[in-house]
Protein backbone atom coordinates (compact mmCIF):
# COMPACT_ATOMS: atom_id res chain seq x y z
CA UNK A 1 95.15 57.25 28.31
CA UNK A 2 98.18 56.72 30.13
CA UNK A 3 100.67 59.35 30.79
CA UNK A 4 104.47 58.54 31.03
CA UNK A 5 107.54 60.70 30.96
CA UNK A 6 110.18 59.25 28.47
CA UNK A 7 113.35 58.28 30.11
CA UNK A 8 115.49 60.71 28.37
CA UNK A 9 115.34 63.66 30.54
CA UNK A 10 117.44 66.42 30.71
CA UNK A 11 118.73 68.32 34.04
CA UNK A 12 120.49 71.54 33.97
CA UNK A 13 122.02 73.18 37.14
CA UNK A 14 122.89 76.78 37.20
CA UNK A 15 126.01 77.05 38.79
CA UNK A 16 128.36 80.31 39.59
CA UNK A 17 132.16 80.76 40.04
CA UNK A 18 133.73 78.48 42.63
CA UNK A 19 132.80 79.68 45.93
CA UNK A 20 130.14 81.76 44.88
CA UNK A 21 126.40 81.54 46.23
CA UNK A 22 124.83 78.75 44.15
CA UNK A 23 120.77 79.00 43.40
CA UNK A 24 119.05 76.18 45.36
CA UNK A 25 117.15 75.10 42.39
CA UNK A 26 117.18 72.51 39.77
CA UNK A 27 116.17 73.39 36.15
CA UNK A 28 114.62 70.09 34.82
CA UNK A 29 113.07 69.13 31.32
CA UNK A 30 110.85 66.36 30.48
CA UNK A 31 108.55 65.22 27.49
CA UNK A 32 105.14 63.88 28.54
CA UNK A 33 103.51 61.37 26.01
CA UNK A 34 100.63 58.94 26.17
CA UNK A 35 100.78 54.96 25.93
CA UNK A 36 101.58 54.78 22.08
CA UNK A 37 104.40 57.63 22.65
CA UNK A 38 102.44 60.57 21.33
CA UNK A 39 102.67 63.97 23.00
CA UNK A 40 100.18 64.87 25.70
CA UNK A 41 97.68 67.41 24.90
CA UNK A 42 98.42 71.36 25.42
CA UNK A 43 97.68 72.95 28.91
CA UNK A 44 98.78 72.60 32.61
CA UNK A 45 99.24 69.39 34.54
CA UNK A 46 100.09 68.87 37.98
CA UNK A 47 103.21 67.09 38.71
CA UNK A 48 104.76 65.58 41.81
CA UNK A 49 108.47 65.48 42.28
CA UNK A 50 110.15 63.49 44.93
CA UNK A 51 114.16 62.34 46.14
CA UNK A 52 114.71 59.38 47.72
CA UNK A 53 117.43 57.54 48.91
CA UNK A 54 116.22 54.10 47.08
CA UNK A 55 115.43 52.99 43.56
CA UNK A 56 112.26 51.26 45.12
CA UNK A 57 111.47 52.08 48.37
CA UNK A 58 113.65 54.44 50.73
CA UNK A 59 113.28 57.54 52.47
CA UNK A 60 111.47 60.55 50.89
CA UNK A 61 114.63 63.11 51.32
CA UNK A 62 112.08 66.24 49.23
CA UNK A 63 108.90 66.67 47.59
CA UNK A 64 107.17 69.29 46.10
CA UNK A 65 103.97 69.72 43.57
CA UNK A 66 104.18 72.24 40.86
CA UNK A 67 101.40 73.21 38.05
CA UNK A 68 103.59 72.84 34.56
CA UNK A 69 102.63 74.31 31.33
CA UNK A 70 102.96 71.65 28.65
CA UNK A 71 103.40 72.30 24.82
CA UNK A 72 104.19 69.66 22.55
CA UNK A 73 104.69 67.35 25.16
CA UNK A 74 107.70 69.28 26.58
CA UNK A 75 107.79 70.83 29.75
CA UNK A 76 110.44 72.79 32.27
CA UNK A 77 110.19 73.25 35.77
CA UNK A 78 112.47 74.61 38.31
CA UNK A 79 112.71 71.87 41.19
CA UNK A 80 113.12 73.78 44.51
CA UNK A 81 110.89 76.81 43.52
CA UNK A 82 108.03 75.62 45.85
CA UNK A 83 109.92 73.80 48.41
CA UNK A 84 113.28 74.29 49.05
CA UNK A 85 115.50 71.50 48.51
CA UNK A 86 117.65 70.76 51.81
CA UNK A 87 121.31 70.62 52.09
CA UNK A 88 120.86 66.83 52.99
CA UNK A 89 119.59 66.00 49.82
CA UNK A 90 122.95 65.24 48.14
CA UNK A 91 124.92 64.13 51.20
CA UNK A 92 125.08 60.56 49.51
CA UNK A 93 125.70 59.45 45.94
CA UNK A 94 122.60 57.35 45.79
CA UNK A 95 119.68 59.55 45.00
CA UNK A 96 116.62 58.80 42.76
CA UNK A 97 113.89 61.03 41.51
CA UNK A 98 110.42 60.05 41.47
CA UNK A 99 107.46 61.95 39.23
CA UNK A 100 103.80 61.63 39.60
CA UNK A 101 101.25 63.01 37.22
CA UNK A 102 97.99 63.91 38.68
CA UNK A 103 96.28 60.99 40.33
CA UNK A 104 98.14 58.45 38.39
CA UNK A 105 100.62 56.24 40.05
CA UNK A 106 104.46 57.54 40.56
CA UNK A 107 106.14 56.79 37.03
CA UNK A 108 108.36 53.85 37.43
CA UNK A 109 111.23 53.27 37.20
CA UNK A 110 112.51 56.17 39.24
CA UNK A 111 115.30 58.29 37.45
CA UNK A 112 118.97 57.96 39.00
CA UNK A 113 120.21 61.40 39.77
CA UNK A 114 123.66 61.59 38.28
CA UNK A 115 126.84 63.88 39.07
CA UNK A 116 125.80 66.85 37.37
CA UNK A 117 122.66 67.07 39.93
CA UNK A 118 125.05 66.73 42.64
CA UNK A 119 126.76 70.20 41.62
CA UNK A 120 123.94 71.46 43.48
CA UNK A 121 125.83 71.22 46.30
CA UNK A 122 128.69 73.29 45.23
CA UNK A 123 128.05 75.92 47.62
CA UNK A 124 127.45 73.33 50.22
CA UNK A 125 129.99 70.47 49.48
CA UNK A 126 130.65 67.94 52.13
CA UNK A 127 132.58 64.62 52.37
CA UNK A 128 131.77 62.81 55.32
CA UNK A 129 134.67 60.15 54.62
CA UNK A 130 137.01 62.80 54.88
CA UNK A 131 135.30 64.36 57.92
CA UNK A 132 135.08 67.54 55.87
CA UNK A 133 132.03 69.87 55.43
CA UNK A 134 130.89 73.05 54.16
CA UNK A 135 127.59 74.31 55.54
CA UNK A 136 125.96 77.86 54.83
CA UNK A 137 129.16 79.61 53.94
CA UNK A 138 131.32 77.90 56.90
CA UNK A 139 133.74 74.96 56.77
CA UNK A 140 133.82 72.44 59.22
CA UNK A 141 137.01 69.87 59.90
CA UNK A 142 135.89 67.21 62.26
CA UNK A 143 132.64 68.54 62.72
CA UNK A 144 129.52 68.91 60.60
CA UNK A 145 127.98 71.81 62.26
CA UNK A 146 130.44 74.54 61.80
CA UNK A 147 128.79 77.19 63.83
CA UNK A 148 131.59 79.75 65.32
CA UNK A 149 133.93 80.95 62.45
CA UNK A 150 134.28 80.55 58.73
CA UNK A 151 137.17 77.50 59.51
CA UNK A 152 136.07 75.61 62.57
CA UNK A 153 138.62 72.80 63.53
CA UNK A 154 137.84 69.99 65.93
CA UNK A 155 140.30 67.40 66.66
CA UNK A 156 139.50 64.52 69.27
CA UNK A 157 143.09 63.44 69.38
CA UNK A 158 146.17 65.38 68.12
CA UNK A 159 146.31 68.52 66.74
CA UNK A 160 143.31 70.58 66.00
CA UNK A 161 145.36 73.36 63.43
CA UNK A 162 148.70 72.60 62.80
CA UNK A 163 150.51 75.23 59.87
CA UNK A 164 153.90 76.49 58.83
CA UNK A 165 154.85 79.44 56.57
CA UNK A 166 154.95 83.45 57.46
CA UNK A 167 152.84 83.80 59.72
CA UNK A 168 152.10 80.07 60.70
CA UNK A 169 148.41 80.55 61.62
CA UNK A 170 147.10 83.97 60.37
CA UNK A 171 143.48 85.08 61.15
CA UNK A 172 141.25 88.10 61.44
CA UNK A 173 137.79 88.90 62.55
CA UNK A 174 135.75 92.06 62.40
CA UNK A 175 133.32 90.73 65.17
CA UNK A 176 134.77 88.15 67.31
CA UNK A 177 138.14 85.84 67.33
CA UNK A 178 140.95 86.06 65.01
CA UNK A 179 141.83 82.44 65.19
CA UNK A 180 140.16 79.69 67.35
CA UNK A 181 141.63 76.28 67.85
CA UNK A 182 140.62 73.49 69.96
CA UNK A 183 142.02 69.91 70.42
CA UNK A 184 143.11 67.51 73.21
CA UNK A 185 147.02 67.81 72.71
CA UNK A 186 147.05 71.35 71.27
CA UNK A 187 144.46 73.68 70.55
CA UNK A 188 146.67 75.65 68.22
CA UNK A 189 150.16 74.98 66.86
CA UNK A 190 152.02 76.96 64.53
CA UNK A 191 155.66 76.88 63.40
CA UNK A 192 157.30 79.63 61.38
CA UNK A 193 160.34 81.59 60.31
CA UNK A 194 158.40 84.60 61.46
CA UNK A 195 155.43 84.40 63.79
CA UNK A 196 154.14 80.91 64.89
CA UNK A 197 150.50 82.10 65.37
CA UNK A 198 149.19 85.54 64.78
CA UNK A 199 145.59 86.91 65.28
CA UNK A 200 143.88 90.19 65.44
CA UNK A 201 140.07 90.47 66.26
CA UNK A 202 138.04 93.19 68.77
CA UNK A 203 137.22 90.06 71.17
CA UNK A 204 139.99 87.83 70.98
CA UNK A 205 143.22 87.93 68.62
CA UNK A 206 144.14 84.33 69.38
CA UNK A 207 141.92 81.69 71.28
CA UNK A 208 142.77 78.27 72.39
CA UNK A 209 141.46 75.74 74.46
CA UNK A 210 143.40 72.82 75.37
CA UNK A 211 142.14 69.83 77.79
CA UNK A 212 144.40 67.59 78.35
CA UNK A 213 147.52 69.75 76.76
CA UNK A 214 148.26 73.39 75.94
CA UNK A 215 145.85 75.93 74.99
CA UNK A 216 148.37 77.75 72.11
CA UNK A 217 151.67 76.53 71.17
CA UNK A 218 153.72 78.54 69.20
CA UNK A 219 157.16 78.82 67.72
CA UNK A 220 159.33 81.24 65.77
CA UNK A 221 162.18 82.91 65.22
CA UNK A 222 160.79 86.31 65.90
CA UNK A 223 157.71 85.27 68.62
CA UNK A 224 155.98 82.60 69.52
CA UNK A 225 153.00 83.54 69.94
CA UNK A 226 151.91 87.08 69.14
CA UNK A 227 148.48 88.68 69.53
CA UNK A 228 147.16 92.17 69.25
CA UNK A 229 143.54 93.52 70.12
CA UNK A 230 142.08 96.82 69.77
CA UNK A 231 140.01 96.87 73.07
CA UNK A 232 139.83 93.12 74.40
CA UNK A 233 142.30 90.58 74.78
CA UNK A 234 145.88 90.23 72.88
CA UNK A 235 146.05 86.59 73.64
CA UNK A 236 143.91 84.32 75.86
CA UNK A 237 144.42 80.80 76.74
CA UNK A 238 142.10 78.43 78.87
CA UNK A 239 143.77 75.38 79.98
CA UNK A 240 142.24 72.79 82.68
CA UNK A 241 145.31 70.44 83.47
CA UNK A 242 148.03 72.12 82.01
CA UNK A 243 149.81 75.72 81.26
CA UNK A 244 147.53 78.12 79.78
CA UNK A 245 150.27 79.15 77.14
CA UNK A 246 153.65 77.43 76.76
CA UNK A 247 155.78 79.54 74.29
CA UNK A 248 159.28 79.70 73.07
CA UNK A 249 161.22 82.04 70.97
CA UNK A 250 164.54 83.36 70.35
CA UNK A 251 163.44 87.03 71.11
CA UNK A 252 160.45 86.56 73.10
CA UNK A 253 158.82 83.97 74.81
CA UNK A 254 155.35 85.70 75.18
CA UNK A 255 154.82 89.22 73.60
CA UNK A 256 151.43 91.12 74.12
CA UNK A 257 150.50 94.48 73.37
CA UNK A 258 147.23 95.93 73.88
CA UNK A 259 146.00 99.61 73.39
CA UNK A 260 143.32 99.56 75.68
CA UNK A 261 142.79 96.41 77.40
CA UNK A 262 145.18 93.47 78.99
CA UNK A 263 148.57 92.73 76.78
CA UNK A 264 148.95 89.18 77.97
CA UNK A 265 146.10 87.53 80.43
CA UNK A 266 146.63 83.92 81.79
CA UNK A 267 143.92 81.96 83.76
CA UNK A 268 144.48 78.40 84.89
CA UNK A 269 142.40 76.24 87.23
CA UNK A 270 145.04 74.10 88.50
CA UNK A 271 148.33 75.00 86.99
CA UNK A 272 150.16 78.53 85.89
CA UNK A 273 148.39 81.55 84.66
CA UNK A 274 151.21 82.25 82.42
CA UNK A 275 154.73 80.24 82.44
CA UNK A 276 157.30 81.47 79.91
CA UNK A 277 161.08 81.09 79.40
CA UNK A 278 163.28 82.93 76.93
CA UNK A 279 166.54 84.16 76.49
CA UNK A 280 167.47 87.74 78.06
CA UNK A 281 163.31 87.91 79.35
CA UNK A 282 160.69 85.09 80.44
CA UNK A 283 157.96 87.90 79.46
CA UNK A 284 158.01 91.16 78.15
CA UNK A 285 154.90 93.12 78.19
CA UNK A 286 154.18 96.79 77.37
CA UNK A 287 150.97 98.79 78.25
CA UNK A 288 150.62 101.80 76.12
CA UNK A 289 148.39 103.54 77.99
CA UNK A 290 147.55 104.44 81.46
CA UNK A 291 144.54 102.43 82.20
CA UNK A 292 146.10 99.04 80.79
CA UNK A 293 148.45 96.38 81.93
CA UNK A 294 151.62 95.00 81.04
CA UNK A 295 151.09 91.52 82.60
CA UNK A 296 148.00 90.50 84.51
CA UNK A 297 147.70 87.35 86.04
CA UNK A 298 145.17 85.37 88.40
CA UNK A 299 145.14 82.03 89.49
CA UNK A 300 144.13 79.64 92.20
CA UNK A 301 147.38 79.45 93.79
CA UNK A 302 149.46 82.13 91.99
CA UNK A 303 148.81 85.08 90.11
CA UNK A 304 152.30 85.78 89.10
CA UNK A 305 154.96 83.55 89.55
CA UNK A 306 158.51 84.19 89.23
CA UNK A 307 161.49 82.20 89.94
CA UNK A 308 165.69 83.71 89.34
CA UNK A 309 168.32 81.04 89.47
CA UNK A 310 171.27 83.40 88.87
CA UNK A 311 173.17 85.21 91.74
CA UNK A 312 171.94 88.86 92.61
CA UNK A 313 168.67 87.60 90.45
CA UNK A 314 165.33 88.58 91.08
CA UNK A 315 162.07 86.21 90.90
CA UNK A 316 159.98 89.63 90.05
CA UNK A 317 161.61 92.98 89.35
CA UNK A 318 159.96 96.22 89.55
CA UNK A 319 161.42 99.78 88.55
CA UNK A 320 160.08 103.08 88.66
CA UNK A 321 162.07 103.73 85.81
CA UNK A 322 163.55 106.53 87.38
CA UNK A 323 160.36 108.79 88.15
CA UNK A 324 160.21 109.45 92.16
CA UNK A 325 156.49 110.24 91.47
CA UNK A 326 156.00 106.33 90.52
CA UNK A 327 156.16 103.22 92.40
CA UNK A 328 158.25 100.35 91.78
CA UNK A 329 155.66 97.98 93.47
CA UNK A 330 152.35 98.53 94.61
CA UNK A 331 150.10 96.09 96.83
CA UNK A 332 146.66 96.31 97.72
CA UNK A 333 146.24 93.73 100.92
CA UNK A 334 148.61 91.76 102.53
CA UNK A 335 152.06 91.28 101.78
CA UNK A 336 153.94 88.35 102.80
CA UNK A 337 157.76 87.82 102.68
CA UNK A 338 159.45 84.55 103.44
CA UNK A 339 163.02 85.41 104.08
CA UNK A 340 164.99 88.84 104.59
CA UNK A 341 163.72 92.02 103.80
CA UNK A 342 166.15 94.70 103.00
CA UNK A 343 165.01 98.50 102.34
CA UNK A 344 167.56 100.66 101.02
CA UNK A 345 166.26 104.09 101.33
CA UNK A 346 165.90 107.12 103.94
CA UNK A 347 162.79 105.46 105.82
CA UNK A 348 160.51 102.52 106.72
CA UNK A 349 157.20 104.14 107.26
CA UNK A 350 153.66 103.90 108.37
CA UNK A 351 150.90 105.88 106.66
CA UNK A 352 148.24 106.56 109.63
CA UNK A 353 145.05 108.29 108.86
CA UNK A 354 144.48 111.12 111.52
CA UNK A 355 141.12 113.19 112.44
CA UNK A 356 141.27 115.68 109.59
CA UNK A 357 141.37 112.94 107.26
CA UNK A 358 145.31 113.11 106.37
CA UNK A 359 147.34 110.43 106.30
CA UNK A 360 150.81 111.14 108.37
CA UNK A 361 154.01 109.20 108.39
CA UNK A 362 155.25 107.47 111.21
CA UNK A 363 159.03 106.08 111.28
CA UNK A 364 160.44 102.94 112.24
CA UNK A 365 163.00 102.51 115.13
CA UNK A 366 166.09 101.10 113.60
CA UNK A 367 169.02 99.23 115.97
CA UNK A 368 172.54 97.94 115.15
CA UNK A 369 171.56 94.26 116.61
CA UNK A 370 168.22 92.29 116.43
CA UNK A 371 166.11 93.24 119.65
CA UNK A 372 162.74 92.14 120.33
CA UNK A 373 160.84 94.27 122.80
CA UNK A 374 157.72 93.36 125.37
CA UNK A 375 155.84 95.80 127.58
CA UNK A 376 154.18 95.14 130.93
CA UNK A 377 152.75 96.15 134.51
CA UNK A 378 153.76 94.81 137.57
CA UNK A 379 152.39 95.55 141.32
CA UNK A 380 154.91 96.50 144.04
CA UNK A 381 153.95 94.97 147.65
CA UNK A 382 156.04 96.26 150.38
CA UNK A 383 158.54 97.50 148.04
CA UNK A 384 159.24 94.33 145.95
CA UNK A 385 157.69 92.28 142.91
CA UNK A 386 158.39 89.55 140.86
CA UNK A 387 157.37 89.66 137.03
CA UNK A 388 157.33 86.56 134.99
CA UNK A 389 158.33 86.86 131.56
CA UNK A 390 155.62 86.15 128.91
CA UNK A 391 156.54 82.57 127.99
CA UNK A 392 155.06 83.22 124.26
CA UNK A 393 157.82 86.21 124.08
CA UNK A 394 160.29 83.99 125.50
CA UNK A 395 160.26 81.72 122.69
CA UNK A 396 161.29 84.42 120.28
CA UNK A 397 164.21 85.75 121.86
CA UNK A 398 167.30 84.46 124.32
CA UNK A 399 166.80 85.50 127.71
CA UNK A 400 169.81 83.23 128.57
CA UNK A 401 172.05 85.91 127.51
CA UNK A 402 171.97 89.71 128.60
CA UNK A 403 168.56 91.21 128.88
CA UNK A 404 167.47 94.56 129.51
CA UNK A 405 164.45 95.97 131.84
CA UNK A 406 163.34 99.54 132.02
CA UNK A 407 161.44 100.49 134.79
CA UNK A 408 158.92 103.59 135.15
CA UNK A 409 156.93 103.75 138.99
CA UNK A 410 153.26 104.58 138.74
CA UNK A 411 153.42 106.64 142.22
CA UNK A 412 155.64 108.20 144.78
CA UNK A 413 158.62 105.99 145.80
CA UNK A 414 162.43 106.42 146.77
CA UNK A 415 163.34 104.59 143.08
CA UNK A 416 163.39 101.38 141.88
CA UNK A 417 166.11 98.72 140.48
CA UNK A 418 165.88 95.10 139.03
CA UNK A 419 167.78 92.27 140.92
CA UNK A 420 167.39 88.57 140.33
CA UNK A 421 167.12 88.29 136.84
CA UNK A 422 166.76 84.60 135.26
CA UNK A 423 165.75 83.40 131.88
CA UNK A 424 161.97 83.31 133.10
CA UNK A 425 161.36 86.35 135.59
CA UNK A 426 163.18 88.86 137.40
CA UNK A 427 162.62 91.01 140.39
CA UNK A 428 161.81 94.74 140.97
CA UNK A 429 162.57 96.41 144.34
CA UNK A 430 161.97 100.01 145.84
CA UNK A 431 165.68 101.70 146.71
CA UNK A 432 166.69 101.78 150.51
CA UNK A 433 164.63 99.32 151.31
CA UNK A 434 161.42 101.07 150.81
CA UNK A 435 158.03 99.37 151.27
CA UNK A 436 155.71 101.02 148.66
CA UNK A 437 152.79 99.49 147.33
CA UNK A 438 152.09 100.89 143.91
CA UNK A 439 152.13 99.91 140.03
CA UNK A 440 155.31 99.72 137.96
CA UNK A 441 155.32 99.57 134.02
CA UNK A 442 158.43 97.82 132.54
CA UNK A 443 159.74 97.44 129.03
CA UNK A 444 161.92 94.78 128.38
CA UNK A 445 164.46 94.26 125.44
CA UNK A 446 166.29 91.04 124.55
CA UNK A 447 168.03 89.41 121.91
CA UNK A 448 166.28 87.83 118.75
CA UNK A 449 166.65 83.83 119.12
CA UNK A 450 169.26 82.98 116.73
CA UNK A 451 170.67 86.45 116.03
CA UNK A 452 172.53 86.69 119.08
CA UNK A 453 175.74 87.76 117.84
CA UNK A 454 174.88 89.69 115.08
CA UNK A 455 175.79 93.22 114.98
CA UNK A 456 175.66 95.74 112.06
CA UNK A 457 176.09 92.84 109.35
CA UNK A 458 177.40 93.96 105.72
CA UNK A 459 174.48 94.46 103.11
CA UNK A 460 174.55 90.90 100.71
CA UNK A 461 173.71 91.40 97.04
CA UNK A 462 174.35 94.36 95.29
CA UNK A 463 174.79 97.68 96.57
CA UNK A 464 172.40 100.73 95.97
CA UNK A 465 174.85 102.39 93.50
CA UNK A 466 175.05 98.80 91.73
CA UNK A 467 171.42 98.54 91.68
CA UNK A 468 170.71 101.49 90.36
CA UNK A 469 173.01 101.16 87.46
CA UNK A 470 171.32 97.68 86.67
CA UNK A 471 168.18 99.15 86.38
CA UNK A 472 169.42 102.03 84.16
CA UNK A 473 171.05 99.21 82.08
CA UNK A 474 167.69 96.95 82.10
CA UNK A 475 165.64 99.69 81.19
CA UNK A 476 167.81 100.57 78.36
CA UNK A 477 167.75 97.26 77.20
CA UNK A 478 164.02 97.21 77.73
CA UNK A 479 163.64 100.46 75.75
CA UNK A 480 165.53 98.61 72.84
CA UNK A 481 163.67 95.57 72.92
CA UNK A 482 160.37 97.52 72.75
CA UNK A 483 161.86 99.52 69.70
CA UNK A 484 162.16 96.20 67.86
CA UNK A 485 158.86 95.07 69.37
CA UNK A 486 157.26 98.26 67.82
CA UNK A 487 159.16 97.62 64.59
CA UNK A 488 158.13 93.99 64.43
CA UNK A 489 154.59 95.43 64.93
CA UNK A 490 155.18 97.77 61.97
CA UNK A 491 156.23 94.55 60.10
CA UNK A 492 153.31 92.53 61.00
CA UNK A 493 150.86 95.43 60.10
CA UNK A 494 152.47 95.46 56.84
CA UNK A 495 152.19 91.90 56.47
CA UNK A 496 148.43 92.17 57.30
CA UNK A 497 147.65 94.98 54.88
CA UNK A 498 149.51 93.02 52.12
CA UNK A 499 147.44 90.21 53.04
CA UNK A 500 144.21 91.95 53.05
CA UNK A 501 145.18 93.25 49.86
CA UNK A 502 145.72 89.82 48.46
CA UNK A 503 142.67 88.70 50.00
CA UNK A 504 140.74 91.35 48.10
CA UNK A 505 142.30 90.91 45.12
CA UNK A 506 141.33 87.44 45.25
CA UNK A 507 137.62 88.37 46.10
CA UNK A 508 137.41 90.28 43.04
CA UNK A 509 138.71 87.55 41.07
CA UNK A 510 135.84 85.24 42.62
CA UNK A 511 138.03 82.97 44.47
CA UNK A 512 137.15 83.75 47.92
CA UNK A 513 133.91 84.56 49.57
CA UNK A 514 133.23 88.16 50.19
CA UNK A 515 132.73 89.07 53.83
């Protein structure tokens, strides 16, 4: 007797609400009859089920063999209960189900799986034509294997993520990165009346990679890019051929805060670590504890680069905030100054360590004119000696004008005097036509070349009093900006809480996946 399955089969798929976890099972019902159309005998039958990508031949995408209890010819089986059905089983619209009973040949024709069967992938939907995928709770746009985040966007050209709103792009993470974007033009691009890009996370608030363009680009009336981090980095940007961060805003170009790490940190392999332009200040950063850095930069050429074009401006400005126990600037390593250096204060000192381990202060010698000096010794023979001026020293001074030589005999004689001074040498002789043979030490002082006529010039730029007044004003402005920044932080925190409340509400309504 030949068994067969009637063509009228019923597919039932258990589906949850949108975004809810979907059981990976298909409830399949069928009816077994003999060649005359009569139901087969009651009992257990071995049924093999296969899913193909062709109605006649094709590839086997899935299969399992189930022991099925048949009563009055009817049976019910949960496909996938023995062997899980892979996500790829329904990645195309062309799928067929083949059924084989015991040792009998597979029943023909194969059964075409209709749209109800495709509801199976409601939890793993994808659209290859739209380059849109959802795999195991993660959504990928431009990638069929989203791995790093709930939403992963990869753009081979153009913008990875573009959004407008308030804020434009918003993301939070409890374990990784709040917002991550990667693209050849912009990794992240946000435009908003409030904040262009906003992200919070314990590792990175905002992370963007740009291979030939910009890592993170933000525009906003309040902040172009704003990042907050509990213990890591507020905003991190990496660029290989361009700026790490480019931001513009009517209030802040870049604003970063950190309670335990770095407010703003920029790294560039060939350009600028951080480059910003703004209204009153290009970069404003605050460190809220003694262990943090307001601004930290590292780069192949410059860690921090500052340029001022206005009169009496400063490329980089530092202030001790009126606290005499604080340094306006502190450098560890060699400091190079290309240009004039002015110190307005009581002393310019060198700190030298002595035998007991203390450091003692030695003061620099000052002069109303620009003198360079040199020291040396000469040997007096029969009461006279010719001393050649060191040619390297002579290149730094002008010995064609008046210079001075001070002599000290290193033995008993009738006294010494200088004569025969030329740009290249001078003579030393003993008084009273003495004939002593002894060593003489000398000190020569000459005008620095190019500064022969400079004497007690006026201090250029602002006076110390004007600088002090400017510093007080600048600190007041920064305090005001800081207060506004804190208000903005509070507002953004309220927005974040509000969005979290809305998300929780939506989760409760089963409209979003629970985290």
